[in-house]
Amino acid sequence: MGFICNLIINSRKLFLFFILSLCSYELIAQDLNIDISSNACVVVQIFDYDNNQIGHGSGFIIDPKGVVVTNYHVIDNAFLIRVVTQINNVKTTYEVKTIQKGSKDKDLAVLIIDNKYNKVFPFLKMAKKIPSKGTECWAIGTPVREDYMNTVSKGLVSNINIDGAKTLLQTNAEMSHGSSGGALINKLGEVIGVTSSGDPTEDGLRANINFAIWIGHINELPFINQQSIAKRSEIPGTLSFFTKGSSKGAVYIYLNRVYIGFFSKYFSSYVPNCGQEGTITRKLSPGTYQYQVFYAYLNKTYYGNITILPNDCRLVDIPVLNETQDKNNVYQDPTPLKYDREQYKWKAGSGLSLYDAGHPSIQLSIERFVKDKFSIRANFRIELFTGVGLDFRKYFSNDEPVNWYVAGSFLHMFDYFSWAGLKFGTDIDLSNRISLNGELGLGRTFDYGLTDYELNIMLNYRFGK
């Protein structure tokens, strides 16, 4: 009888041990495996219209068929996109067939790999709930250079922030330029965010404040279904960075937060030609870009804006800095991108015109830009004085919100007089397309030989890229 009781008791212990073992295995199986997660992370390479690589970002696969998530700003100026995988330490490069979805406001994009041979890719699952503060997290991305592909850093979700159309996860997991578009994952290996940016100020860098976009926004993206964001009909311009002297350490160049190179040659006695060997040169779609210069030996970043015109070349001289310089003047927070008028060829306007003793009339105009900072404008006046005029304008800037100009002008009032003179005015930008224009004209009438003036106030709209 005792033997039977002991057998029953021992059987229960074995059963309990079996159940506990299964539970323990389940818990272990859910723990993060960095190697498995890294296999699903990729480098996103971007190329210009000549198939030259102009930078890289990070990304990760969310579907076994080859669906990749990255930041919108990583692919914004790409004519061609490729994805590099590293599965079990074997690197393979794939073309991106389609940008399926994307949003500039949410700074997210979904890419479809050209999976000709129906390869089954490792992928990351997406978390269904926004994590709470204090949640452990790991960032996987490719900072600075592709040599550092799928670098891992660990941190916490420090805060949850709402930034306009998107939810940002603040984290102290370390990341840098090139990490944009990478995966921020939890201890279950689920993606909770897409690494996107950091606080670039000195205090922000010291506190290691970085951000990732909540992965749930992927489900809110509109469909794009196009091969590239850049418009192939626009002729690219060229941007070349150079420096005149060597520094104590490496100087890295980024364009719109995408890494493009570091200096290995110096031009101490002359200014190089655009695109010359030793410069950091990229062909870019016309537009205004923000560049970042990271001085590794000072751990500081300098910011600047540059406007690229079609088929043009811009040289940018990057200074050599030392620790004794005034950091308050050298290191600045990013400034808003300036206006880019040259992308529009026409401008239409309407407003009020006052002539001589204050006689009012309604004025309509159409303006055509024929060259950088030069235009021809036709004026039409109705009501008290009806007539037509022609202006030849010379502007003095192309990327400032206030744009001064001078114009030679001819005006013919039907059945009354003709007038010729100079106009001085300014365009005040309300947006890239809309401006408020005020001008004063001084001249003489042919018919009466009198010196007269006119005052015009116009609201204008730019169009015709």
Protein backbone atom coordinates (compact mmCIF):
# COMPACT_ATOMS: atom_id res chain seq x y z
CA MET A 1 0.00 0.00 0.00
CA GLY A 2 2.87 2.39 0.87
CA PHE A 3 4.53 1.61 -2.42
CA ILE A 4 1.39 2.63 -4.35
CA CYS A 5 1.09 5.91 -2.38
CA ASN A 6 4.73 6.80 -3.06
CA LEU A 7 4.23 6.04 -6.75
CA ILE A 8 1.22 8.37 -6.92
CA ILE A 9 3.08 11.16 -5.07
CA ASN A 10 6.16 10.82 -7.30
CA SER A 11 3.98 10.82 -10.42
CA ARG A 12 2.38 14.09 -9.32
CA LYS A 13 5.82 15.63 -8.75
CA LEU A 14 6.97 14.55 -12.20
CA PHE A 15 3.81 15.98 -13.78
CA LEU A 16 4.23 19.28 -11.89
CA PHE A 17 7.90 19.44 -12.94
CA PHE A 18 6.87 18.81 -16.56
CA ILE A 19 4.29 21.62 -16.47
CA LEU A 20 6.76 24.08 -14.88
CA SER A 21 9.37 23.15 -17.49
CA LEU A 22 6.96 23.90 -20.31
CA CYS A 23 6.10 27.31 -18.79
CA SER A 24 9.76 28.12 -18.32
CA TYR A 25 10.50 27.19 -21.93
CA GLU A 26 7.66 29.42 -23.13
CA LEU A 27 9.02 32.35 -21.12
CA ILE A 28 12.55 31.77 -22.42
CA ALA A 29 11.27 31.47 -25.98
CA GLN A 30 9.70 34.90 -25.71
CA ASP A 31 12.92 36.59 -24.57
CA LEU A 32 14.73 38.82 -27.05
CA ASN A 33 17.24 37.18 -29.37
CA ILE A 34 19.33 39.99 -30.84
CA ASP A 35 20.84 37.82 -33.59
CA ILE A 36 17.39 36.79 -34.84
CA SER A 37 16.11 40.39 -34.70
CA SER A 38 19.22 41.70 -36.50
CA ASN A 39 18.59 39.31 -39.40
CA ALA A 40 15.40 41.26 -40.12
CA CYS A 41 17.13 44.68 -40.10
CA VAL A 42 18.49 46.25 -43.30
CA VAL A 43 20.45 49.13 -44.79
CA VAL A 44 18.45 51.39 -47.14
CA GLN A 45 20.73 52.76 -49.88
CA ILE A 46 19.67 55.78 -51.92
CA PHE A 47 20.97 56.67 -55.40
CA ASP A 48 20.81 59.64 -57.77
CA TYR A 49 19.63 59.58 -61.40
CA ASP A 50 23.13 58.45 -62.52
CA ASN A 51 23.01 55.41 -60.23
CA ASN A 52 25.56 56.96 -57.84
CA GLN A 53 24.94 56.25 -54.17
CA ILE A 54 24.26 59.50 -52.30
CA GLY A 55 23.69 58.14 -48.81
CA HIS A 56 22.10 55.49 -46.64
CA GLY A 57 19.60 55.00 -43.85
CA SER A 58 18.31 52.07 -41.84
CA GLY A 59 15.19 49.90 -42.07
CA PHE A 60 13.63 46.59 -41.08
CA ILE A 61 11.44 43.86 -42.62
CA ILE A 62 7.88 43.34 -41.36
CA ASP A 63 6.68 40.64 -43.78
CA PRO A 64 8.33 37.42 -45.05
CA LYS A 65 7.72 38.50 -48.66
CA GLY A 66 10.06 41.48 -48.22
CA VAL A 67 8.15 44.52 -46.94
CA VAL A 68 10.53 47.11 -45.46
CA VAL A 69 9.80 50.04 -43.13
CA THR A 70 12.03 53.13 -42.97
CA ASN A 71 11.78 56.92 -42.51
CA TYR A 72 10.29 59.02 -45.31
CA HIS A 73 13.18 61.50 -45.10
CA VAL A 74 15.65 58.69 -45.89
CA ILE A 75 14.14 58.14 -49.38
CA ASP A 76 12.82 61.64 -50.03
CA ASN A 77 15.44 62.60 -52.66
CA ALA A 78 16.22 59.16 -54.08
CA PHE A 79 15.79 58.28 -57.77
CA LEU A 80 16.65 54.65 -57.04
CA ILE A 81 16.49 52.66 -53.77
CA ARG A 82 18.24 49.43 -52.81
CA VAL A 83 18.00 47.34 -49.64
CA VAL A 84 20.90 45.37 -48.15
CA THR A 85 20.11 42.43 -45.87
CA GLN A 86 22.56 40.65 -43.57
CA ILE A 87 21.14 37.23 -42.71
CA ASN A 88 23.44 34.99 -40.70
CA ASN A 89 26.35 37.31 -41.65
CA VAL A 90 25.67 36.99 -45.41
CA LYS A 91 24.96 40.30 -47.15
CA THR A 92 22.62 40.48 -50.15
CA THR A 93 21.46 43.55 -52.10
CA TYR A 94 17.95 43.89 -53.55
CA GLU A 95 16.27 46.53 -55.71
CA VAL A 96 13.20 48.24 -54.28
CA LYS A 97 10.32 47.63 -56.67
CA THR A 98 7.78 50.01 -55.18
CA ILE A 99 7.31 52.61 -52.49
CA GLN A 100 3.97 51.21 -51.40
CA LYS A 101 2.98 53.75 -48.72
CA GLY A 102 4.42 56.87 -47.16
CA SER A 103 3.80 60.16 -45.39
CA LYS A 104 6.11 63.15 -44.99
CA ASP A 105 4.15 64.35 -41.93
CA LYS A 106 4.51 61.02 -40.15
CA ASP A 107 8.03 60.53 -41.60
CA LEU A 108 7.36 56.88 -42.44
CA ALA A 109 7.54 54.85 -45.65
CA VAL A 110 6.85 51.24 -46.64
CA LEU A 111 9.01 49.70 -49.39
CA ILE A 112 8.46 46.49 -51.38
CA ILE A 113 11.62 44.51 -52.25
CA ASP A 114 11.86 43.16 -55.81
CA ASN A 115 11.68 39.53 -54.64
CA LYS A 116 12.12 37.77 -57.99
CA TYR A 117 12.86 34.34 -56.51
CA ASN A 118 10.16 34.38 -53.81
CA LYS A 119 12.67 34.34 -50.98
CA VAL A 120 11.22 34.05 -47.47
CA PHE A 121 12.74 36.83 -45.35
CA PRO A 122 13.09 36.93 -41.55
CA PHE A 123 10.82 39.64 -40.20
CA LEU A 124 9.90 41.53 -37.04
CA LYS A 125 6.44 41.57 -35.51
CA MET A 126 4.89 44.93 -34.69
CA ALA A 127 3.73 45.71 -31.16
CA LYS A 128 0.03 46.39 -30.78
CA LYS A 129 0.21 48.73 -27.78
CA ILE A 130 2.20 51.89 -27.12
CA PRO A 131 4.84 51.00 -24.50
CA SER A 132 4.84 52.63 -21.09
CA LYS A 133 7.60 54.75 -19.58
CA GLY A 134 10.50 52.70 -18.30
CA THR A 135 10.05 49.89 -20.82
CA GLU A 136 13.37 48.32 -21.80
CA CYS A 137 14.18 48.74 -25.50
CA TRP A 138 16.92 48.07 -28.05
CA ALA A 139 17.73 50.16 -31.15
CA ILE A 140 19.11 48.37 -34.23
CA GLY A 141 20.42 50.52 -37.07
CA THR A 142 23.42 51.50 -39.21
CA PRO A 143 24.98 54.69 -37.81
CA VAL A 144 27.61 56.79 -39.63
CA ARG A 145 28.84 54.17 -42.18
CA GLU A 146 27.57 50.91 -43.60
CA ASP A 147 30.56 49.19 -41.97
CA TYR A 148 28.56 49.47 -38.73
CA MET A 149 25.50 47.69 -40.13
CA ASN A 150 22.95 46.57 -37.53
CA THR A 151 24.63 48.16 -34.52
CA VAL A 152 22.66 47.48 -31.31
CA SER A 153 22.21 49.84 -28.35
CA LYS A 154 20.10 49.40 -25.24
CA GLY A 155 18.00 51.91 -23.29
CA LEU A 156 14.60 52.75 -21.87
CA VAL A 157 11.48 54.41 -23.19
CA SER A 158 12.06 57.68 -21.36
CA ASN A 159 8.86 59.48 -22.31
CA ILE A 160 5.87 59.51 -24.67
CA ASN A 161 5.47 62.71 -26.74
CA ILE A 162 2.82 63.89 -29.21
CA ASP A 163 4.32 65.82 -32.15
CA GLY A 164 1.54 66.96 -34.49
CA ALA A 165 0.41 63.97 -36.55
CA LYS A 166 2.62 61.41 -34.83
CA THR A 167 3.44 59.89 -31.45
CA LEU A 168 7.14 59.93 -30.54
CA LEU A 169 8.81 57.54 -28.14
CA GLN A 170 11.64 59.31 -26.36
CA THR A 171 14.49 56.94 -25.57
CA ASN A 172 18.05 57.01 -24.27
CA ALA A 173 19.10 54.11 -26.49
CA GLU A 174 22.08 55.52 -28.38
CA MET A 175 21.76 56.29 -32.10
CA SER A 176 23.39 58.59 -34.63
CA HIS A 177 23.14 59.86 -38.23
CA GLY A 178 22.42 56.88 -40.46
CA SER A 179 20.29 55.19 -37.80
CA SER A 180 17.18 56.85 -39.23
CA GLY A 181 14.58 54.24 -40.14
CA GLY A 182 15.94 51.56 -37.81
CA ALA A 183 13.96 49.37 -35.43
CA LEU A 184 13.31 50.10 -31.76
CA ILE A 185 12.26 46.78 -30.23
CA ASN A 186 11.06 45.53 -26.84
CA LYS A 187 12.20 42.49 -24.87
CA LEU A 188 9.78 40.27 -26.83
CA GLY A 189 11.48 41.23 -30.09
CA GLU A 190 8.48 43.31 -31.23
CA VAL A 191 8.98 46.64 -33.01
CA ILE A 192 7.65 49.51 -30.92
CA GLY A 193 9.12 52.39 -32.93
CA VAL A 194 11.06 53.57 -35.99
CA THR A 195 14.21 55.44 -34.92
CA SER A 196 14.14 58.88 -36.52
CA SER A 197 16.07 61.67 -34.81
CA GLY A 198 17.67 63.08 -31.69
CA ASP A 199 17.91 66.39 -29.87
CA PRO A 200 20.93 68.05 -31.62
CA THR A 201 21.59 70.68 -28.94
CA GLU A 202 24.57 70.38 -26.62
CA ASP A 203 22.32 69.59 -23.65
CA GLY A 204 20.30 67.13 -25.74
CA LEU A 205 23.42 65.27 -26.81
CA ARG A 206 24.69 65.17 -23.25
CA ALA A 207 21.38 63.75 -22.01
CA ASN A 208 21.27 61.27 -24.95
CA ILE A 209 17.73 62.29 -25.93
CA ASN A 210 16.60 60.38 -29.03
CA PHE A 211 13.23 59.68 -30.65
CA ALA A 212 11.41 56.90 -32.46
CA ILE A 213 8.04 57.10 -34.23
CA TRP A 214 5.37 54.77 -32.81
CA ILE A 215 5.10 51.76 -35.15
CA GLY A 216 1.28 51.86 -35.08
CA HIS A 217 1.34 54.81 -37.49
CA ILE A 218 2.27 52.35 -40.27
CA ASN A 219 -1.42 51.44 -40.49
CA GLU A 220 -2.36 55.09 -41.14
CA LEU A 221 -0.10 55.72 -44.14
CA PRO A 222 -1.65 56.58 -47.53
CA PHE A 223 -0.80 54.44 -50.57
CA ILE A 224 1.78 55.89 -52.98
CA ASN A 225 2.65 52.95 -55.28
CA GLN A 226 5.48 54.63 -57.18
CA GLN A 227 9.12 53.75 -57.78
CA SER A 228 10.63 56.93 -56.29
CA ILE A 229 9.67 60.13 -54.54
CA ALA A 230 11.98 62.33 -56.65
CA LYS A 231 10.61 63.72 -59.92
CA ARG A 232 12.70 62.39 -62.78
CA SER A 233 11.62 65.25 -65.05
CA GLU A 234 13.72 67.71 -63.01
CA ILE A 235 17.37 68.11 -64.01
CA PRO A 236 19.58 67.56 -60.96
CA GLY A 237 22.11 70.05 -59.66
CA THR A 238 25.48 69.29 -58.06
CA LEU A 239 26.58 69.97 -54.48
CA SER A 240 30.28 69.76 -53.54
CA PHE A 241 31.76 70.09 -50.04
CA PHE A 242 35.47 70.79 -49.52
CA THR A 243 37.78 71.92 -46.74
CA LYS A 244 41.05 73.90 -46.82
CA GLY A 245 42.90 72.26 -43.95
CA SER A 246 43.19 69.11 -41.88
CA SER A 247 41.66 68.83 -38.43
CA LYS A 248 42.46 66.90 -35.27
CA GLY A 249 39.95 64.21 -36.14
CA ALA A 250 37.40 63.09 -38.70
CA VAL A 251 34.83 65.53 -40.09
CA TYR A 252 31.64 63.79 -41.30
CA ILE A 253 29.10 65.33 -43.71
CA TYR A 254 25.35 64.64 -43.66
CA LEU A 255 22.64 65.92 -45.98
CA ASN A 256 19.10 66.10 -44.62
CA ARG A 257 20.32 63.82 -41.79
CA VAL A 258 21.66 61.19 -44.24
CA TYR A 259 25.41 60.40 -44.09
CA ILE A 260 27.29 61.15 -47.36
CA GLY A 261 31.01 61.01 -46.49
CA PHE A 262 34.06 62.37 -44.67
CA PHE A 263 37.08 64.41 -45.82
CA SER A 264 40.24 62.61 -46.90
CA LYS A 265 41.78 65.44 -49.00
CA TYR A 266 42.40 69.14 -48.28
CA PHE A 267 42.67 72.19 -50.56
CA SER A 268 45.00 74.54 -48.68
CA SER A 269 46.22 76.62 -51.65
CA TYR A 270 43.27 76.78 -54.05
CA VAL A 271 39.53 76.32 -54.41
CA PRO A 272 38.64 73.08 -56.24
CA ASN A 273 36.29 72.74 -59.16
CA CYS A 274 32.82 71.46 -58.55
CA GLY A 275 32.94 67.68 -58.37
CA GLN A 276 36.75 67.51 -58.27
CA GLU A 277 38.39 64.48 -56.65
CA GLY A 278 38.72 65.07 -52.93
CA THR A 279 35.43 66.93 -52.60
CA ILE A 280 32.31 65.26 -51.23
CA THR A 281 29.99 65.63 -54.20
CA ARG A 282 26.41 64.62 -54.83
CA LYS A 283 23.94 65.24 -57.66
CA LEU A 284 20.61 66.34 -56.21
CA SER A 285 17.15 67.32 -57.34
CA PRO A 286 16.64 71.11 -57.32
CA GLY A 287 15.54 72.39 -53.95
CA THR A 288 16.73 73.57 -50.54
CA TYR A 289 18.64 71.16 -48.33
CA GLN A 290 19.92 71.21 -44.79
CA TYR A 291 23.44 69.89 -44.27
CA GLN A 292 25.14 68.83 -41.05
CA VAL A 293 28.89 68.80 -40.36
CA PHE A 294 29.88 66.57 -37.45
CA TYR A 295 33.29 67.31 -35.91
CA ALA A 296 34.15 64.02 -34.21
CA TYR A 297 37.08 65.47 -32.25
CA LEU A 298 34.81 68.10 -30.69
CA ASN A 299 31.63 65.98 -30.62
CA LYS A 300 29.76 68.96 -32.09
CA THR A 301 27.55 69.50 -35.13
CA TYR A 302 27.30 72.56 -37.39
CA TYR A 303 24.14 73.18 -39.45
CA GLY A 304 23.58 75.08 -42.69
CA ASN A 305 21.10 75.43 -45.56
CA ILE A 306 21.90 75.32 -49.26
CA THR A 307 19.70 75.81 -52.36
CA ILE A 308 20.41 73.69 -55.44
CA LEU A 309 19.21 74.94 -58.82
CA PRO A 310 18.62 72.75 -61.91
CA ASN A 311 21.84 71.87 -63.73
CA ASP A 312 23.81 74.11 -61.34
CA CYS A 313 26.75 73.40 -59.05
CA ARG A 314 27.29 74.77 -55.53
CA LEU A 315 30.61 74.66 -53.67
CA VAL A 316 30.50 74.70 -49.85
CA ASP A 317 33.68 75.49 -47.89
CA ILE A 318 33.65 73.60 -44.58
CA PRO A 319 35.84 75.40 -42.00
CA VAL A 320 38.37 73.71 -39.73
CA LEU A 321 37.40 74.36 -36.11
CA ASN A 322 39.27 74.24 -32.83
CA GLU A 323 38.21 74.19 -29.21
CA THR A 324 39.06 77.87 -28.61
CA GLN A 325 36.47 79.19 -31.06
CA ASP A 326 33.21 80.68 -29.85
CA LYS A 327 30.91 77.66 -29.73
CA ASN A 328 27.82 79.87 -29.39
CA ASN A 329 28.50 81.27 -32.86
CA VAL A 330 29.75 78.08 -34.48
CA TYR A 331 27.29 75.46 -33.26
CA GLN A 332 23.67 76.26 -33.91
CA ASP A 333 20.37 74.47 -33.75
CA PRO A 334 18.84 73.57 -37.13
CA THR A 335 17.16 76.55 -38.79
CA PRO A 336 14.01 76.30 -40.91
CA LEU A 337 14.66 75.64 -44.58
CA LYS A 338 14.54 78.86 -46.58
CA TYR A 339 12.25 79.71 -49.45
CA ASP A 340 13.01 78.39 -52.93
CA ARG A 341 11.44 80.66 -55.54
CA GLU A 342 13.35 79.32 -58.54
CA GLN A 343 11.28 76.13 -58.62
CA TYR A 344 8.36 78.22 -60.00
CA LYS A 345 8.49 79.87 -63.43
CA TRP A 346 5.33 82.06 -63.33
CA LYS A 347 3.70 84.46 -60.90
CA ALA A 348 0.22 85.98 -61.14
CA GLY A 349 -0.94 88.89 -59.02
CA SER A 350 -3.71 91.38 -58.34
CA GLY A 351 -3.96 94.48 -56.18
CA LEU A 352 -4.39 98.23 -55.89
CA SER A 353 -2.47 100.87 -57.87
CA LEU A 354 -2.27 104.57 -56.95
CA TYR A 355 -0.99 107.02 -59.57
CA ASP A 356 0.19 110.62 -59.06
CA ALA A 357 -2.46 112.43 -56.98
CA GLY A 358 -3.85 109.22 -55.57
CA HIS A 359 -6.04 108.13 -58.49
CA PRO A 360 -6.86 104.47 -57.76
CA SER A 361 -7.15 101.57 -60.18
CA ILE A 362 -7.20 97.79 -60.01
CA GLN A 363 -4.03 96.16 -61.32
CA LEU A 364 -3.58 92.61 -62.65
CA SER A 365 -0.18 91.14 -63.57
CA ILE A 366 1.50 88.07 -64.97
CA GLU A 367 5.25 87.55 -64.45
CA ARG A 368 7.65 85.11 -66.16
CA PHE A 369 11.06 84.25 -64.68
CA VAL A 370 13.53 83.97 -67.57
CA LYS A 371 16.75 83.47 -65.55
CA ASP A 372 17.96 83.29 -61.97
CA LYS A 373 16.74 86.53 -60.29
CA PHE A 374 15.49 88.09 -63.58
CA SER A 375 11.89 88.32 -64.80
CA ILE A 376 9.54 90.08 -67.24
CA ARG A 377 6.17 91.23 -65.94
CA ALA A 378 3.11 92.44 -67.88
CA ASN A 379 0.64 94.76 -66.06
CA PHE A 380 -3.01 95.41 -66.82
CA ARG A 381 -4.90 98.34 -65.20
CA ILE A 382 -8.63 98.94 -65.24
CA GLU A 383 -11.17 101.52 -63.95
CA LEU A 384 -10.16 105.26 -63.81
CA PHE A 385 -6.93 104.80 -65.81
CA THR A 386 -6.98 101.83 -68.17
CA GLY A 387 -3.67 100.76 -69.63
CA VAL A 388 -0.91 98.20 -70.03
CA GLY A 389 2.67 98.13 -68.82
CA LEU A 390 5.87 96.13 -68.98
CA ASP A 391 8.51 95.65 -66.23
CA PHE A 392 12.00 94.17 -66.41
CA ARG A 393 12.83 93.08 -62.86
CA LYS A 394 16.16 92.27 -61.19
CA TYR A 395 15.84 90.50 -57.80
CA PHE A 396 18.61 90.49 -55.20
CA SER A 397 18.02 87.14 -53.45
CA ASN A 398 16.38 83.80 -54.12
CA ASP A 399 16.08 82.08 -50.74
CA GLU A 400 15.29 84.83 -48.22
CA PRO A 401 11.73 85.56 -47.02
CA VAL A 402 12.14 89.25 -48.02
CA ASN A 403 13.31 89.71 -51.63
CA TRP A 404 14.20 93.24 -52.83
CA TYR A 405 14.19 94.18 -56.51
CA VAL A 406 14.60 97.06 -58.98
CA ALA A 407 12.79 97.27 -62.31
CA GLY A 408 12.82 99.32 -65.48
CA SER A 409 9.20 100.06 -66.34
CA PHE A 410 7.09 101.31 -69.24
CA LEU A 411 3.37 102.17 -68.91
CA HIS A 412 0.83 103.26 -71.52
CA MET A 413 -2.53 104.68 -70.41
CA PHE A 414 -5.04 104.49 -73.26
CA ASP A 415 -6.21 107.91 -74.53
CA TYR A 416 -4.18 109.70 -71.89
CA PHE A 417 -0.36 109.39 -71.62
CA SER A 418 2.70 107.14 -71.65
CA TRP A 419 5.13 106.83 -68.75
CA ALA A 420 8.62 105.36 -68.23
CA GLY A 421 10.77 105.11 -65.12
CA LEU A 422 12.20 102.93 -62.36
CA LYS A 423 10.43 100.89 -59.71
CA PHE A 424 11.80 99.85 -56.34
CA GLY A 425 10.00 97.16 -54.34
CA THR A 426 10.04 94.03 -52.26
CA ASP A 427 8.35 90.63 -52.23
CA ILE A 428 7.47 89.40 -48.74
CA ASP A 429 6.96 85.63 -48.74
CA LEU A 430 3.90 84.34 -46.92
CA SER A 431 4.70 80.82 -48.18
CA ASN A 432 6.68 79.25 -51.06
CA ARG A 433 3.82 80.11 -53.44
CA ILE A 434 2.19 83.24 -52.01
CA SER A 435 3.85 86.64 -51.54
CA LEU A 436 2.85 90.23 -50.75
CA ASN A 437 4.42 92.78 -53.07
CA GLY A 438 4.85 96.52 -52.47
CA GLU A 439 6.61 98.92 -54.85
CA LEU A 440 7.18 102.62 -55.59
CA GLY A 441 7.72 103.85 -59.14
CA LEU A 442 9.31 107.19 -60.21
CA GLY A 443 9.36 108.39 -63.83
CA ARG A 444 8.31 110.96 -66.44
CA THR A 445 5.37 111.13 -68.82
CA PHE A 446 6.21 111.44 -72.52
CA ASP A 447 3.17 113.58 -73.27
CA TYR A 448 3.51 116.24 -70.55
CA GLY A 449 7.12 116.02 -69.44
CA LEU A 450 6.13 115.76 -65.79
CA THR A 451 7.73 113.71 -63.04
CA ASP A 452 5.15 111.36 -61.58
CA TYR A 453 5.03 108.45 -59.20
CA GLU A 454 2.97 105.33 -58.69
CA LEU A 455 2.42 103.08 -55.67
CA ASN A 456 1.42 99.44 -56.08
CA ILE A 457 0.40 96.81 -53.53
CA MET A 458 -0.12 93.30 -54.92
CA LEU A 459 -0.90 89.79 -53.68
CA ASN A 460 0.88 87.16 -55.83
CA TYR A 461 0.72 83.42 -56.48
CA ARG A 462 3.62 81.39 -57.96
CA PHE A 463 3.03 78.39 -60.21
CA GLY A 464 4.48 76.34 -63.05
CA LYS A 465 7.38 74.19 -61.80
